[in-house]
Protein backbone atom coordinates (compact mmCIF):
# COMPACT_ATOMS: atom_id res chain seq x y z
CA LEU A 1 -33.62 -14.48 -11.56
CA PRO A 2 -35.17 -11.21 -10.36
CA GLY A 3 -34.56 -10.66 -6.68
CA ARG A 4 -31.91 -13.35 -6.48
CA ALA A 5 -29.19 -12.50 -3.96
CA ARG A 6 -25.74 -11.87 -5.35
CA PRO A 7 -23.16 -14.60 -4.64
CA LEU A 8 -20.79 -14.15 -1.74
CA THR A 9 -17.89 -11.90 -2.67
CA GLU A 10 -14.37 -12.33 -1.33
CA PHE A 11 -13.18 -8.90 -0.19
CA THR A 12 -9.65 -9.83 0.91
CA GLY A 13 -7.20 -7.42 -0.71
CA TRP A 14 -9.87 -4.99 -1.86
CA THR A 15 -9.32 -1.31 -1.17
CA THR A 16 -11.90 0.62 0.80
CA THR A 17 -12.61 2.63 -2.37
CA GLU A 18 -13.43 -0.57 -4.26
CA TYR A 19 -15.59 -1.81 -1.40
CA ALA A 20 -17.49 1.50 -1.24
CA ALA A 21 -18.27 1.22 -4.97
CA TYR A 22 -19.52 -2.33 -4.40
CA HIS A 23 -21.52 -1.29 -1.35
CA ALA A 24 -23.35 1.38 -3.38
CA LEU A 25 -24.57 -1.11 -6.01
CA PRO A 26 -28.14 -2.39 -6.00
CA ALA A 27 -28.75 -5.97 -4.90
CA GLY A 28 -27.91 -8.49 -7.61
CA ALA A 29 -25.56 -6.20 -9.53
CA PRO A 30 -22.19 -7.69 -10.51
CA ALA A 31 -19.11 -6.61 -8.60
CA PRO A 32 -17.47 -3.49 -10.06
CA ALA A 33 -14.14 -3.58 -11.85
CA ARG A 34 -11.08 -3.29 -9.66
CA ARG A 35 -8.03 -1.11 -10.27
CA ALA A 36 -5.70 -2.51 -12.93
CA SER A 37 -2.77 -2.62 -10.51
CA SER A 38 -4.62 -4.50 -7.75
CA THR A 39 -3.22 -7.97 -8.54
CA ILE A 40 0.43 -6.97 -8.70
CA ALA A 41 0.11 -4.61 -5.70
CA THR A 42 -1.28 -7.50 -3.65
CA ARG A 43 1.61 -9.70 -4.76
CA VAL A 44 4.26 -7.11 -3.92
CA ASN A 45 2.77 -6.61 -0.45
CA ALA A 46 2.79 -10.36 0.21
CA LEU A 47 6.46 -10.57 -0.88
CA SER A 48 7.58 -7.51 1.06
CA ALA A 49 9.51 -9.61 3.59
CA THR A 50 11.70 -11.17 0.89
CA LEU A 51 12.01 -8.35 -1.64
CA PRO A 52 14.55 -5.58 -0.96
CA THR A 53 12.86 -2.64 0.75
CA GLU A 54 13.69 -0.30 -2.12
CA ALA A 55 12.20 -2.80 -4.56
CA VAL A 56 8.93 -2.87 -2.60
CA LEU A 57 8.72 0.92 -2.51
CA LEU A 58 9.59 1.29 -6.18
CA SER A 59 7.19 -1.48 -7.27
CA ARG A 60 4.37 0.20 -5.38
CA ALA A 61 5.31 3.53 -6.94
CA ILE A 62 4.84 1.83 -10.32
CA THR A 63 1.42 0.48 -9.32
CA ASP A 64 0.43 4.00 -8.25
CA THR A 65 0.54 5.09 -11.91
CA ALA A 66 -2.50 2.93 -12.73
CA PRO A 67 -5.73 4.86 -13.29
CA SER A 68 -8.65 4.49 -10.92
CA ALA A 69 -10.98 1.53 -11.38
CA GLY A 70 -13.25 2.03 -14.38
CA ASP A 71 -11.01 4.62 -16.08
CA ASP A 72 -9.35 3.92 -19.43
CA LEU A 73 -6.04 2.06 -19.21
CA ASN A 74 -3.30 2.73 -21.74
CA PRO A 75 -2.34 -0.58 -23.45
CA THR A 76 1.39 -0.01 -22.87
CA LEU A 77 0.82 0.67 -19.18
CA ALA A 78 -1.38 -2.43 -19.04
CA ASP A 79 1.51 -4.51 -20.42
CA LEU A 80 3.85 -2.96 -17.88
CA LEU A 81 1.55 -3.76 -14.93
CA GLU A 82 0.35 -7.16 -16.10
CA ARG A 83 3.51 -8.55 -17.71
CA TYR A 84 6.79 -6.68 -17.32
CA LEU A 85 6.55 -5.89 -13.60
CA PRO A 86 5.25 -9.34 -12.53
CA GLU A 87 7.82 -11.15 -14.68
CA SER A 88 10.65 -9.00 -13.31
CA ILE A 89 9.66 -10.02 -9.78
CA SER A 90 9.31 -13.68 -10.80
CA ALA A 91 12.76 -13.60 -12.37
CA TYR A 92 14.21 -12.17 -9.15
CA GLU A 93 12.61 -14.96 -7.12
CA VAL A 94 14.11 -17.60 -9.40
CA SER A 95 17.54 -15.97 -9.31
CA THR A 96 17.59 -15.80 -5.50
CA ARG A 97 16.61 -19.45 -5.26
CA ARG A 98 19.69 -20.18 -7.37
CA GLY A 99 21.84 -18.33 -4.82
CA ARG A 100 22.60 -15.23 -6.90
CA ASN A 101 21.24 -12.80 -4.32
CA ASP A 102 23.52 -9.78 -4.78
CA SER A 103 23.50 -9.74 -8.56
CA ALA A 104 19.77 -10.49 -8.65
CA GLU A 105 19.00 -7.54 -6.37
CA GLN A 106 21.12 -5.17 -8.44
CA LEU A 107 19.52 -6.32 -11.68
CA LEU A 108 16.02 -6.15 -10.23
CA MET A 109 16.54 -2.55 -9.13
CA THR A 110 17.82 -1.63 -12.58
CA GLN A 111 14.72 -3.21 -14.07
CA LEU A 112 12.34 -1.49 -11.68
CA ARG A 113 13.89 1.95 -12.17
CA LEU A 114 13.44 1.61 -15.91
CA LEU A 115 9.83 0.47 -15.51
CA HIS A 116 9.10 3.30 -13.11
CA THR A 117 10.54 5.85 -15.51
CA VAL A 118 8.52 4.46 -18.41
CA ALA A 119 5.35 4.46 -16.30
CA LEU A 120 5.88 8.14 -15.45
CA ASN A 121 6.60 8.93 -19.10
CA ILE A 122 3.38 7.19 -20.15
CA ASP A 123 1.44 9.20 -17.59
CA GLU A 124 2.89 12.47 -18.86
CA ALA A 125 2.32 11.54 -22.50
CA GLU A 126 -1.29 10.57 -21.75
CA THR A 127 -1.89 13.88 -20.00
CA ALA A 128 -0.39 15.79 -22.94
CA HIS A 129 -2.17 13.57 -25.53
CA ASN A 130 1.25 12.96 -27.09
CA GLU A 131 0.82 9.88 -29.30
CA ARG A 132 4.42 10.00 -30.49
CA ASP A 133 5.80 9.70 -26.95
CA LEU A 134 3.36 6.89 -26.18
CA GLN A 135 4.65 4.99 -29.20
CA ILE A 136 8.25 5.60 -28.08
CA GLN A 137 7.53 4.14 -24.64
CA ASP A 138 5.78 1.12 -26.11
CA ARG A 139 8.63 0.43 -28.53
CA PHE A 140 11.22 0.83 -25.78
CA LEU A 141 9.47 -1.68 -23.51
CA ARG A 142 9.13 -4.25 -26.28
CA GLU A 143 12.78 -3.94 -27.30
CA ARG A 144 14.26 -3.65 -23.81
CA PHE A 145 12.34 -6.58 -22.32
CA ALA A 146 11.88 -8.74 -25.39
CA ASN A 147 13.92 -11.59 -23.90
CA LEU A 148 12.56 -11.33 -20.37
CA THR A 149 11.15 -14.57 -19.01
CA PRO A 150 10.05 -15.47 -15.48
CA GLY A 151 12.97 -17.89 -15.31
CA ASP A 152 15.82 -15.41 -15.22
CA LEU A 153 16.79 -11.76 -15.33
CA ASP A 154 18.26 -10.61 -18.63
CA LEU A 155 19.57 -7.12 -18.18
CA THR A 156 22.45 -6.87 -20.61
CA GLU A 157 23.28 -3.22 -21.05
CA ARG A 158 21.89 -1.75 -24.23
CA PRO A 159 22.08 1.82 -25.51
CA VAL A 160 19.12 3.96 -24.44
CA THR A 161 18.41 7.38 -25.91
CA ALA A 162 17.99 10.27 -23.51
CA ALA A 163 14.59 11.09 -25.01
CA THR A 164 13.27 7.67 -24.09
CA VAL A 165 14.24 7.23 -20.46
CA ARG A 166 14.98 9.92 -17.91
CA SER A 167 17.23 9.42 -14.91
CA ILE A 168 15.24 8.28 -11.90
CA ASP A 169 16.33 8.41 -8.27
CA ALA A 170 15.29 6.32 -5.27
CA PRO A 171 11.51 6.03 -4.80
CA ALA A 172 11.52 8.21 -1.71
CA ARG A 173 12.78 11.08 -3.90
CA GLY A 174 10.26 10.67 -6.69
CA ARG A 175 6.73 12.03 -6.59
CA ASN A 176 6.30 11.48 -2.86
CA LYS A 177 5.54 14.30 -0.49
CA THR A 178 8.03 15.13 2.23
CA ALA A 179 6.72 16.06 5.66
CA THR A 180 8.99 18.55 7.41
CA PRO A 181 8.76 19.23 11.17
CA ASP A 182 5.37 20.73 12.12
CA ALA A 183 4.08 20.09 8.59
CA ARG A 184 0.93 18.13 7.73
CA ALA A 185 0.38 15.90 4.69
CA PHE A 186 -2.91 14.58 3.33
CA LEU A 187 -2.57 11.07 1.90
CA ASP A 188 -5.24 10.12 -0.58
CA PRO A 189 -5.11 6.31 -0.99
CA GLU A 190 -5.24 6.51 -4.81
CA ARG A 191 -4.05 9.93 -5.95
CA GLN A 192 -1.08 10.62 -3.68
CA PRO A 193 -0.79 7.91 -1.02
CA VAL A 194 2.83 8.28 0.15
CA VAL A 195 4.76 10.68 2.35
CA LEU A 196 8.37 10.69 3.57
CA PHE A 197 9.05 11.75 7.16
CA LYS A 198 12.64 12.96 7.20
CA ARG A 199 14.72 13.10 10.36
CA ALA A 200 18.27 14.26 11.00
CA THR A 201 19.20 11.33 13.23
CA GLY A 202 18.20 7.68 13.35
CA GLY A 203 16.86 5.72 16.28
CA ALA A 204 13.45 5.12 17.78
CA TRP A 205 10.22 6.60 16.45
CA ASP A 206 7.65 7.93 18.94
CA LEU A 207 4.31 7.90 17.14
CA THR A 208 0.85 9.07 18.13
CA LEU A 209 -2.06 7.55 16.22
CA ARG A 210 -5.56 8.99 16.52
CA LEU A 211 -8.55 7.41 14.79
CA ALA A 212 -11.70 9.54 14.62
CA LEU A 213 -14.91 7.54 15.11
CA PRO A 214 -18.62 8.13 15.56
CA LYS A 215 -19.83 7.60 19.11
CA GLY A 216 -20.81 3.99 19.74
CA GLN A 217 -18.36 2.51 17.21
CA ALA A 218 -16.44 -0.29 18.97
CA THR A 219 -13.05 -0.52 17.26
CA ILE A 220 -9.54 -1.88 17.77
CA LEU A 221 -6.56 0.17 16.58
CA GLY A 222 -3.25 -1.68 16.33
CA VAL A 223 0.28 -1.81 14.95
CA VAL A 224 2.26 -4.83 13.74
CA GLN A 225 6.00 -4.19 13.57
CA GLU A 226 8.95 -6.12 12.17
CA THR A 227 12.19 -5.06 13.85
CA THR A 228 15.61 -4.90 12.23
CA ALA A 229 16.46 -8.08 14.18
CA GLY A 230 13.58 -9.93 12.50
CA ALA A 231 11.18 -10.07 15.46
CA THR A 232 7.48 -9.30 15.04
CA ASN A 233 5.80 -7.15 17.71
CA PHE A 234 2.13 -6.38 18.26
CA VAL A 235 0.47 -3.50 20.08
CA HIS A 236 -3.20 -2.54 20.04
CA ARG A 237 -5.90 -0.68 21.89
CA GLY A 238 -9.68 -0.89 21.80
CA ASN A 239 -12.50 1.39 22.85
CA ARG A 240 -15.85 0.62 24.42
CA ARG A 241 -19.13 1.09 22.65
CA LEU A 242 -20.79 3.17 25.39
CA LEU A 243 -17.94 4.59 27.47
CA GLY A 244 -15.74 6.33 24.91
CA ALA A 245 -14.86 9.94 25.71
CA ARG A 246 -16.41 12.43 23.30
CA ARG A 247 -14.15 14.88 21.49
CA PRO A 248 -15.65 18.39 21.49
CA THR A 249 -15.85 19.51 17.86
CA GLY A 250 -18.62 22.10 17.89
CA PHE A 251 -20.62 20.04 15.41
CA LYS A 252 -23.84 18.10 15.91
CA ALA A 253 -22.63 14.50 15.50
CA PRO A 254 -20.57 13.28 18.47
CA GLN A 255 -17.01 12.16 17.71
CA VAL A 256 -14.92 9.73 19.73
CA ASP A 257 -11.13 9.45 19.37
CA LEU A 258 -9.27 6.17 19.69
CA THR A 259 -5.65 7.08 20.45
CA LEU A 260 -2.63 4.78 20.45
CA GLN A 261 0.89 5.90 21.37
CA VAL A 262 3.66 3.68 20.04
CA LYS A 263 7.43 3.74 20.55
CA LEU A 264 9.24 1.83 17.81
CA LEU A 265 12.82 1.21 18.95
CA SER A 266 14.34 -0.39 15.85
CA PRO A 267 11.66 -0.79 13.20
CA LYS A 268 12.31 -2.22 9.77
CA ARG A 269 8.68 -1.86 8.75
CA PHE A 270 5.20 -1.88 10.25
CA PHE A 271 1.55 -1.60 9.39
CA ILE A 272 -1.37 0.09 11.14
CA TYR A 273 -4.78 -1.54 11.22
CA ALA A 274 -8.26 -0.97 12.61
CA GLU A 275 -10.93 -3.60 13.15
CA SER A 276 -14.59 -2.99 13.88
CA ALA A 277 -17.51 -5.17 14.88
CA ALA A 278 -19.92 -6.34 12.20
CA GLY A 279 -23.39 -4.91 11.93
CA LYS A 280 -23.06 -1.21 11.18
CA ASP A 281 -23.02 0.52 7.82
CA LEU A 282 -19.78 1.63 6.14
CA THR A 283 -17.91 4.10 8.37
CA ASP A 284 -15.71 6.76 6.80
CA THR A 285 -12.94 7.89 9.11
CA VAL A 286 -9.49 9.49 9.27
CA LEU A 287 -6.30 8.30 10.92
CA PHE A 288 -4.17 11.16 12.24
CA PHE A 289 -0.50 10.13 12.27
CA ARG A 290 2.01 12.23 14.22
CA THR A 291 5.76 11.76 14.74
CA ASP A 292 7.83 12.92 17.70
CA ASN A 293 9.14 15.96 15.81
CA GLY A 294 5.64 17.26 15.07
CA SER A 295 5.28 16.08 11.46
CA GLN A 296 1.76 14.88 10.75
CA ALA A 297 -0.27 13.07 8.13
CA GLU A 298 -4.00 12.59 7.65
CA LEU A 299 -5.05 9.27 6.13
CA PRO A 300 -8.70 9.10 5.05
CA THR A 301 -9.93 5.52 5.17
CA ALA A 302 -13.00 3.44 6.03
CA LEU A 303 -14.22 0.60 8.21
CA THR A 304 -16.59 -1.77 6.43
CA ASN A 305 -18.19 -3.24 9.57
CA HIS A 306 -18.73 -6.28 7.33
CA ALA A 307 -18.42 -9.79 8.74
CA ARG A 308 -16.17 -10.90 5.85
CA ALA A 309 -13.93 -7.82 5.87
CA PRO A 310 -13.96 -6.18 9.31
CA LEU A 311 -10.24 -5.28 9.34
CA THR A 312 -8.69 -2.42 7.39
CA VAL A 313 -4.93 -2.15 7.01
CA ILE A 314 -4.86 1.62 7.02
CA ALA A 315 -1.16 2.19 6.40
CA SER A 316 2.19 0.53 5.83
CA ALA A 317 5.55 2.10 6.64
CA TYR A 318 9.26 1.43 6.06
CA ASP A 319 12.21 2.90 7.92
CA THR A 320 14.72 3.82 5.19
CA PRO A 321 18.00 5.78 5.07
CA ASP A 322 15.95 8.74 3.79
CA GLY A 323 13.44 8.56 6.64
CA LEU A 324 10.10 6.91 7.33
CA VAL A 325 8.05 6.17 4.20
CA LEU A 326 4.34 6.03 5.07
CA ARG A 327 1.66 4.82 2.63
CA ASN A 328 -2.11 4.96 2.89
CA GLU A 329 -3.05 1.36 2.02
CA SER A 330 -6.75 1.16 3.07
CA VAL A 331 -6.89 -2.55 2.19
CA LEU A 332 -9.41 -5.03 3.61
CA PHE A 333 -8.90 -8.37 5.34
CA PRO A 334 -11.11 -10.79 7.27
CA ASP A 335 -8.79 -11.03 10.29
CA LEU A 336 -5.37 -10.13 11.68
CA ARG A 337 -3.71 -13.36 10.54
CA SER A 338 -4.78 -12.72 6.93
CA ALA A 339 -3.52 -9.14 7.16
CA CYS A 340 -0.11 -10.31 8.39
CA THR A 341 0.08 -12.86 5.58
CA GLY A 342 -1.02 -10.24 3.06
CA PHE A 343 1.91 -8.02 4.03
CA GLY A 344 4.51 -10.76 4.35
CA TYR A 345 4.74 -10.99 8.13
CA GLY A 346 5.65 -14.63 8.74
CA ASN A 347 7.16 -16.74 11.51
CA ILE A 348 4.13 -16.06 13.71
CA THR A 349 2.27 -18.77 15.64
CA TRP A 350 -1.44 -18.16 16.10
CA LEU A 351 -3.90 -19.24 18.79
CA ASP A 352 -6.63 -18.43 16.29
CA ARG A 353 -6.97 -16.19 13.26
CA HIS A 354 -7.33 -13.12 15.46
CA THR A 355 -4.76 -13.88 18.16
CA PRO A 356 -0.97 -14.30 17.77
CA ILE A 357 1.10 -16.00 20.43
CA VAL A 358 3.38 -13.30 21.87
């Protein structure tokens, strides 16, 4: 009926880009299409506590090859994202339940490296309008994974021609940027969302987080960390609507910075979130991320200020042998408990959906 309000939409797991497209629609319009990789990316994030770290990073690198929402999707890439990658993960879960952890991990990584290589090959062939290479990738997938089922991993070695699959290294050495000391990276959540912060020695990370906000925007900035010992730690800081200190910028609109300094002693992984009060319009913002050696990253993101999606997980990060891998997630959740569940942070007791017992 004309003028009828659109039904309530569940925004959990949406990206801020998808929400902005929805927000721009006229009343009553159907929700816009989401990115083709959204379902499997959500699943990988939720399983990130049980999947090997390298498998999480490589799986997300595969999902990054999906085009933006609304753009044409190559049928072979669609099969890879909707069938081969999900079934590979399902097969790993079944194998680990049967107690074959070491072999299952090795086979899963072999599978993911092949899928990642094929996804990159498809992207290059699409860019070059090379139909022959696209057909080669499609035929390789169908032959290589013909016997794959969610019940088990079947990775019997088969001959592969050099023209079909290139050698691929660990995900941190793929297409990701590397931030050297005193360098700055710009992480677009869809086009190039990942950076690697290298460091000569291991140990604690001293991080400075700065979220730029319009004056009067009451916001909480926080970090949830899983340590190498398996503990989950929380740290956060909020500002006040009327008392925030203005940052002199020389421009007309006043800007307020919400700054959080964090020392991570033995992190395995963590995520950074911001939560705002409902009532305002969509707020575009930037998180400035700085390490103790001067390396920096800018993460453009948004706060919805929507009652059903007030929390944005701005970034996720993993401490790896190569360094700290940081990703611009910009994913929405209704509360902190949902965000922790969405990124596989378990073994937490909650007073309510906003408050963990610490």
